[in-house]
PDB file of N, CA and C in Angstrom:
ATOM      1  N   MET A   1      -2.345 179.208  60.014  1.00  0.00           N
ATOM      2  CA  MET A   1      -1.090 179.206  59.266  1.00  0.00           C
ATOM      3  C   MET A   1      -1.031 180.453  58.398  1.00  0.00           C
ATOM      4  N   ALA A   2       0.126 181.034  58.302  1.00  0.00           N
ATOM      5  CA  ALA A   2       0.311 182.252  57.512  1.00  0.00           C
ATOM      6  C   ALA A   2       0.214 181.930  56.026  1.00  0.00           C
ATOM      7  N   HIS A   3      -0.351 182.855  55.279  1.00  0.00           N
ATOM      8  CA  HIS A   3      -0.458 182.701  53.833  1.00  0.00           C
ATOM      9  C   HIS A   3       0.848 183.148  53.192  1.00  0.00           C
ATOM     10  N   HIS A   4       1.349 182.326  52.277  1.00  0.00           N
ATOM     11  CA  HIS A   4       2.572 182.668  51.553  1.00  0.00           C
ATOM     12  C   HIS A   4       2.182 183.190  50.190  1.00  0.00           C
ATOM     13  N   ASP A   5       2.590 184.406  49.850  1.00  0.00           N
ATOM     14  CA  ASP A   5       2.221 185.010  48.581  1.00  0.00           C
ATOM     15  C   ASP A   5       2.714 184.221  47.383  1.00  0.00           C
ATOM     16  N   SER A   6       3.819 183.485  47.524  1.00  0.00           N
ATOM     17  CA  SER A   6       4.368 182.755  46.395  1.00  0.00           C
ATOM     18  C   SER A   6       3.649 181.430  46.151  1.00  0.00           C
ATOM     19  N   ALA A   7       2.861 180.960  47.112  1.00  0.00           N
ATOM     20  CA  ALA A   7       2.163 179.690  46.967  1.00  0.00           C
ATOM     21  C   ALA A   7       0.776 179.924  46.385  1.00  0.00           C
ATOM     22  N   PRO A   8       0.319 179.007  45.542  1.00  0.00           N
ATOM     23  CA  PRO A   8      -1.039 179.135  45.034  1.00  0.00           C
ATOM     24  C   PRO A   8      -2.038 179.112  46.182  1.00  0.00           C
ATOM     25  N   SER A   9      -3.138 179.816  46.030  1.00  0.00           N
ATOM     26  CA  SER A   9      -4.111 179.924  47.126  1.00  0.00           C
ATOM     27  C   SER A   9      -4.744 178.588  47.463  1.00  0.00           C
ATOM     28  N   ASP A  10      -4.773 177.641  46.508  1.00  0.00           N
ATOM     29  CA  ASP A  10      -5.372 176.339  46.770  1.00  0.00           C
ATOM     30  C   ASP A  10      -4.347 175.304  47.224  1.00  0.00           C
ATOM     31  N   ALA A  11      -3.098 175.718  47.449  1.00  0.00           N
ATOM     32  CA  ALA A  11      -2.042 174.794  47.860  1.00  0.00           C
ATOM     33  C   ALA A  11      -2.265 174.344  49.304  1.00  0.00           C
ATOM     34  N   ALA A  12      -2.047 173.060  49.523  1.00  0.00           N
ATOM     35  CA  ALA A  12      -2.176 172.515  50.875  1.00  0.00           C
ATOM     36  C   ALA A  12      -1.032 173.040  51.737  1.00  0.00           C
ATOM     37  N   PRO A  13      -1.299 173.225  53.014  1.00  0.00           N
ATOM     38  CA  PRO A  13      -0.221 173.670  53.898  1.00  0.00           C
ATOM     39  C   PRO A  13       0.869 172.599  53.995  1.00  0.00           C
ATOM     40  N   LEU A  14       2.080 173.052  54.145  1.00  0.00           N
ATOM     41  CA  LEU A  14       3.206 172.136  54.260  1.00  0.00           C
ATOM     42  C   LEU A  14       3.435 171.760  55.716  1.00  0.00           C
ATOM     43  N   PRO A  15       4.081 170.597  55.948  1.00  0.00           N
ATOM     44  CA  PRO A  15       4.464 170.244  57.319  1.00  0.00           C
ATOM     45  C   PRO A  15       5.353 171.326  57.916  1.00  0.00           C
ATOM     46  N   ARG A  16       5.446 171.353  59.231  1.00  0.00           N
ATOM     47  CA  ARG A  16       6.194 172.413  59.916  1.00  0.00           C
ATOM     48  C   ARG A  16       7.594 172.004  60.330  1.00  0.00           C
ATOM     49  N   THR A  17       7.893 170.698  60.373  1.00  0.00           N
ATOM     50  CA  THR A  17       9.221 170.292  60.827  1.00  0.00           C
ATOM     51  C   THR A  17      10.097 169.903  59.638  1.00  0.00           C
ATOM     52  N   ARG A  18      11.397 170.037  59.821  1.00  0.00           N
ATOM     53  CA  ARG A  18      12.356 169.704  58.767  1.00  0.00           C
ATOM     54  C   ARG A  18      12.244 168.230  58.392  1.00  0.00           C
ATOM     55  N   ASP A  19      12.151 167.342  59.376  1.00  0.00           N
ATOM     56  CA  ASP A  19      12.062 165.910  59.090  1.00  0.00           C
ATOM     57  C   ASP A  19      10.818 165.574  58.283  1.00  0.00           C
ATOM     58  N   GLU A  20       9.676 166.166  58.627  1.00  0.00           N
ATOM     59  CA  GLU A  20       8.443 165.923  57.879  1.00  0.00           C
ATOM     60  C   GLU A  20       8.552 166.474  56.458  1.00  0.00           C
ATOM     61  N   LEU A  21       9.178 167.634  56.321  1.00  0.00           N
ATOM     62  CA  LEU A  21       9.364 168.221  54.998  1.00  0.00           C
ATOM     63  C   LEU A  21      10.264 167.344  54.131  1.00  0.00           C
ATOM     64  N   LEU A  22      11.329 166.810  54.716  1.00  0.00           N
ATOM     65  CA  LEU A  22      12.237 165.957  53.950  1.00  0.00           C
ATOM     66  C   LEU A  22      11.548 164.658  53.529  1.00  0.00           C
ATOM     67  N   ALA A  23      10.695 164.110  54.389  1.00  0.00           N
ATOM     68  CA  ALA A  23       9.931 162.908  54.020  1.00  0.00           C
ATOM     69  C   ALA A  23       8.971 163.220  52.871  1.00  0.00           C
ATOM     70  N   LEU A  24       8.305 164.365  52.940  1.00  0.00           N
ATOM     71  CA  LEU A  24       7.410 164.774  51.863  1.00  0.00           C
ATOM     72  C   LEU A  24       8.200 165.017  50.581  1.00  0.00           C
ATOM     73  N   HIS A  25       9.396 165.577  50.694  1.00  0.00           N
ATOM     74  CA  HIS A  25      10.250 165.819  49.530  1.00  0.00           C
ATOM     75  C   HIS A  25      10.599 164.494  48.844  1.00  0.00           C
ATOM     76  N   ARG A  26      10.965 163.483  49.627  1.00  0.00           N
ATOM     77  CA  ARG A  26      11.289 162.169  49.054  1.00  0.00           C
ATOM     78  C   ARG A  26      10.091 161.595  48.299  1.00  0.00           C
ATOM     79  N   GLU A  27       8.912 161.645  48.924  1.00  0.00           N
ATOM     80  CA  GLU A  27       7.701 161.103  48.305  1.00  0.00           C
ATOM     81  C   GLU A  27       7.345 161.893  47.042  1.00  0.00           C
ATOM     82  N   THR A  28       7.491 163.204  47.082  1.00  0.00           N
ATOM     83  CA  THR A  28       7.152 164.038  45.934  1.00  0.00           C
ATOM     84  C   THR A  28       8.124 163.798  44.785  1.00  0.00           C
ATOM     85  N   ARG A  29       9.397 163.578  45.091  1.00  0.00           N
ATOM     86  CA  ARG A  29      10.362 163.224  44.038  1.00  0.00           C
ATOM     87  C   ARG A  29       9.970 161.910  43.375  1.00  0.00           C
ATOM     88  N   ARG A  30       9.522 160.946  44.185  1.00  0.00           N
ATOM     89  CA  ARG A  30       9.082 159.656  43.643  1.00  0.00           C
ATOM     90  C   ARG A  30       7.898 159.864  42.702  1.00  0.00           C
ATOM     91  N   GLN A  31       6.937 160.691  43.124  1.00  0.00           N
ATOM     92  CA  GLN A  31       5.767 160.966  42.289  1.00  0.00           C
ATOM     93  C   GLN A  31       6.167 161.685  41.007  1.00  0.00           C
ATOM     94  N   ARG A  32       7.070 162.641  41.112  1.00  0.00           N
ATOM     95  CA  ARG A  32       7.545 163.366  39.927  1.00  0.00           C
ATOM     96  C   ARG A  32       8.207 162.410  38.940  1.00  0.00           C
ATOM     97  N   ASN A  33       9.048 161.530  39.461  1.00  0.00           N
ATOM     98  CA  ASN A  33       9.764 160.599  38.602  1.00  0.00           C
ATOM     99  C   ASN A  33       8.834 159.586  37.944  1.00  0.00           C
ATOM    100  N   ALA A  34       7.716 159.271  38.601  1.00  0.00           N
ATOM    101  CA  ALA A  34       6.759 158.305  38.052  1.00  0.00           C
ATOM    102  C   ALA A  34       5.811 158.946  37.043  1.00  0.00           C
ATOM    103  N   ALA A  35       5.680 160.261  37.066  1.00  0.00           N
ATOM    104  CA  ALA A  35       4.744 160.957  36.179  1.00  0.00           C
ATOM    105  C   ALA A  35       5.366 161.146  34.796  1.00  0.00           C
ATOM    106  N   LYS A  36       4.510 161.189  33.794  1.00  0.00           N
ATOM    107  CA  LYS A  36       4.967 161.465  32.435  1.00  0.00           C
ATOM    108  C   LYS A  36       5.520 162.882  32.374  1.00  0.00           C
ATOM    109  N   HIS A  37       6.676 163.030  31.754  1.00  0.00           N
ATOM    110  CA  HIS A  37       7.330 164.340  31.658  1.00  0.00           C
ATOM    111  C   HIS A  37       6.383 165.359  31.026  1.00  0.00           C
ATOM    112  N   GLY A  38       6.208 166.487  31.696  1.00  0.00           N
ATOM    113  CA  GLY A  38       5.368 167.561  31.186  1.00  0.00           C
ATOM    114  C   GLY A  38       3.896 167.427  31.504  1.00  0.00           C
ATOM    115  N   SER A  39       3.499 166.305  32.108  1.00  0.00           N
ATOM    116  CA  SER A  39       2.089 166.115  32.458  1.00  0.00           C
ATOM    117  C   SER A  39       1.721 167.023  33.633  1.00  0.00           C
ATOM    118  N   PRO A  40       0.426 167.241  33.854  1.00  0.00           N
ATOM    119  CA  PRO A  40       0.018 168.056  35.005  1.00  0.00           C
ATOM    120  C   PRO A  40       0.562 167.519  36.339  1.00  0.00           C
ATOM    121  N   ASP A  41       0.597 166.194  36.497  1.00  0.00           N
ATOM    122  CA  ASP A  41       1.150 165.625  37.737  1.00  0.00           C
ATOM    123  C   ASP A  41       2.633 165.923  37.870  1.00  0.00           C
ATOM    124  N   HIS A  42       3.354 165.861  36.770  1.00  0.00           N
ATOM    125  CA  HIS A  42       4.795 166.151  36.771  1.00  0.00           C
ATOM    126  C   HIS A  42       5.041 167.613  37.143  1.00  0.00           C
ATOM    127  N   VAL A  43       4.289 168.507  36.515  1.00  0.00           N
ATOM    128  CA  VAL A  43       4.436 169.939  36.785  1.00  0.00           C
ATOM    129  C   VAL A  43       4.064 170.258  38.233  1.00  0.00           C
ATOM    130  N   ALA A  44       2.979 169.652  38.726  1.00  0.00           N
ATOM    131  CA  ALA A  44       2.547 169.897  40.114  1.00  0.00           C
ATOM    132  C   ALA A  44       3.606 169.414  41.097  1.00  0.00           C
ATOM    133  N   ALA A  45       4.217 168.274  40.819  1.00  0.00           N
ATOM    134  CA  ALA A  45       5.260 167.753  41.714  1.00  0.00           C
ATOM    135  C   ALA A  45       6.470 168.683  41.727  1.00  0.00           C
ATOM    136  N   ILE A  46       6.843 169.212  40.574  1.00  0.00           N
ATOM    137  CA  ILE A  46       7.969 170.148  40.516  1.00  0.00           C
ATOM    138  C   ILE A  46       7.657 171.397  41.331  1.00  0.00           C
ATOM    139  N   ASP A  47       6.441 171.904  41.208  1.00  0.00           N
ATOM    140  CA  ASP A  47       6.031 173.078  41.982  1.00  0.00           C
ATOM    141  C   ASP A  47       6.092 172.789  43.479  1.00  0.00           C
ATOM    142  N   LEU A  48       5.569 171.632  43.885  1.00  0.00           N
ATOM    143  CA  LEU A  48       5.583 171.279  45.298  1.00  0.00           C
ATOM    144  C   LEU A  48       7.012 171.103  45.807  1.00  0.00           C
ATOM    145  N   LEU A  49       7.873 170.509  45.007  1.00  0.00           N
ATOM    146  CA  LEU A  49       9.279 170.365  45.415  1.00  0.00           C
ATOM    147  C   LEU A  49       9.902 171.726  45.702  1.00  0.00           C
ATOM    148  N   GLY A  50       9.611 172.699  44.864  1.00  0.00           N
ATOM    149  CA  GLY A  50      10.129 174.043  45.096  1.00  0.00           C
ATOM    150  C   GLY A  50       9.620 174.632  46.396  1.00  0.00           C
ATOM    151  N   ARG A  51       8.328 174.479  46.661  1.00  0.00           N
ATOM    152  CA  ARG A  51       7.753 174.991  47.910  1.00  0.00           C
ATOM    153  C   ARG A  51       8.391 174.323  49.126  1.00  0.00           C
ATOM    154  N   ILE A  52       8.592 173.014  49.033  1.00  0.00           N
ATOM    155  CA  ILE A  52       9.208 172.271  50.142  1.00  0.00           C
ATOM    156  C   ILE A  52      10.635 172.763  50.366  1.00  0.00           C
ATOM    157  N   GLU A  53      11.392 172.928  49.292  1.00  0.00           N
ATOM    158  CA  GLU A  53      12.787 173.351  49.419  1.00  0.00           C
ATOM    159  C   GLU A  53      12.910 174.739  50.026  1.00  0.00           C
ATOM    160  N   VAL A  54      11.987 175.622  49.701  1.00  0.00           N
ATOM    161  CA  VAL A  54      11.990 176.959  50.309  1.00  0.00           C
ATOM    162  C   VAL A  54      11.758 176.843  51.816  1.00  0.00           C
ATOM    163  N   GLU A  55      10.822 176.013  52.228  1.00  0.00           N
ATOM    164  CA  GLU A  55      10.541 175.855  53.660  1.00  0.00           C
ATOM    165  C   GLU A  55      11.707 175.207  54.399  1.00  0.00           C
ATOM    166  N   VAL A  56      12.341 174.200  53.778  1.00  0.00           N
ATOM    167  CA  VAL A  56      13.516 173.572  54.408  1.00  0.00           C
ATOM    168  C   VAL A  56      14.616 174.614  54.581  1.00  0.00           C
ATOM    169  N   ALA A  57      14.852 175.423  53.564  1.00  0.00           N
ATOM    170  CA  ALA A  57      15.883 176.462  53.650  1.00  0.00           C
ATOM    171  C   ALA A  57      15.550 177.466  54.746  1.00  0.00           C
ATOM    172  N   ARG A  58      14.278 177.831  54.863  1.00  0.00           N
ATOM    173  CA  ARG A  58      13.860 178.780  55.903  1.00  0.00           C
ATOM    174  C   ARG A  58      14.155 178.209  57.283  1.00  0.00           C
ATOM    175  N   ILE A  59      13.835 176.947  57.487  1.00  0.00           N
ATOM    176  CA  ILE A  59      14.083 176.296  58.778  1.00  0.00           C
ATOM    177  C   ILE A  59      15.582 176.217  59.041  1.00  0.00           C
ATOM    178  N   GLU A  60      16.352 175.837  58.035  1.00  0.00           N
ATOM    179  CA  GLU A  60      17.801 175.705  58.223  1.00  0.00           C
ATOM    180  C   GLU A  60      18.464 177.045  58.489  1.00  0.00           C
ATOM    181  N   ARG A  61      17.986 178.106  57.854  1.00  0.00           N
ATOM    182  CA  ARG A  61      18.533 179.445  58.139  1.00  0.00           C
ATOM    183  C   ARG A  61      18.269 179.821  59.592  1.00  0.00           C
ATOM    184  N   ALA A  62      17.113 179.485  60.094  1.00  0.00           N
ATOM    185  CA  ALA A  62      16.776 179.811  61.476  1.00  0.00           C
ATOM    186  C   ALA A  62      17.632 179.014  62.463  1.00  0.00           C
ATOM    187  N   MET A  63      18.153 177.872  62.023  1.00  0.00           N
ATOM    188  CA  MET A  63      18.982 177.033  62.895  1.00  0.00           C
ATOM    189  C   MET A  63      20.410 177.548  62.984  1.00  0.00           C
ATOM    190  N   ASP A  64      20.869 178.261  61.956  1.00  0.00           N
ATOM    191  CA  ASP A  64      22.254 178.755  61.934  1.00  0.00           C
ATOM    192  C   ASP A  64      22.433 179.921  62.896  1.00  0.00           C
ATOM    193  N   PRO A  65      23.504 179.881  63.688  1.00  0.00           N
ATOM    194  CA  PRO A  65      23.779 181.045  64.530  1.00  0.00           C
ATOM    195  C   PRO A  65      24.208 182.222  63.652  1.00  0.00           C
ATOM    196  N   PRO A  66      23.931 183.442  64.088  1.00  0.00           N
ATOM    197  CA  PRO A  66      24.352 184.612  63.302  1.00  0.00           C
ATOM    198  C   PRO A  66      25.880 184.693  63.218  1.00  0.00           C
ATOM    199  N   LEU A  67      26.376 185.226  62.112  1.00  0.00           N
ATOM    200  CA  LEU A  67      27.814 185.418  61.955  1.00  0.00           C
ATOM    201  C   LEU A  67      28.267 186.553  62.858  1.00  0.00           C
ATOM    202  N   VAL A  68      29.451 186.399  63.416  1.00  0.00           N
ATOM    203  CA  VAL A  68      29.976 187.424  64.333  1.00  0.00           C
ATOM    204  C   VAL A  68      30.933 188.325  63.598  1.00  0.00           C
TER     205      VAL A  68
END
């Protein structure tokens, strides 16, 4: 898997499909909402949500046909 400069070096690789990413996003939102605001778990969930959203956007951009 390619290394992403914006991701921490110890970050786990993300799923490769949009459906898997969206499932992980739902679970991570649940974890974020259950964590105490500002706690390390809360901050980590917010970071992971951002990483997931970037990957979903990348996949969706690749799905769009180029503008003519």
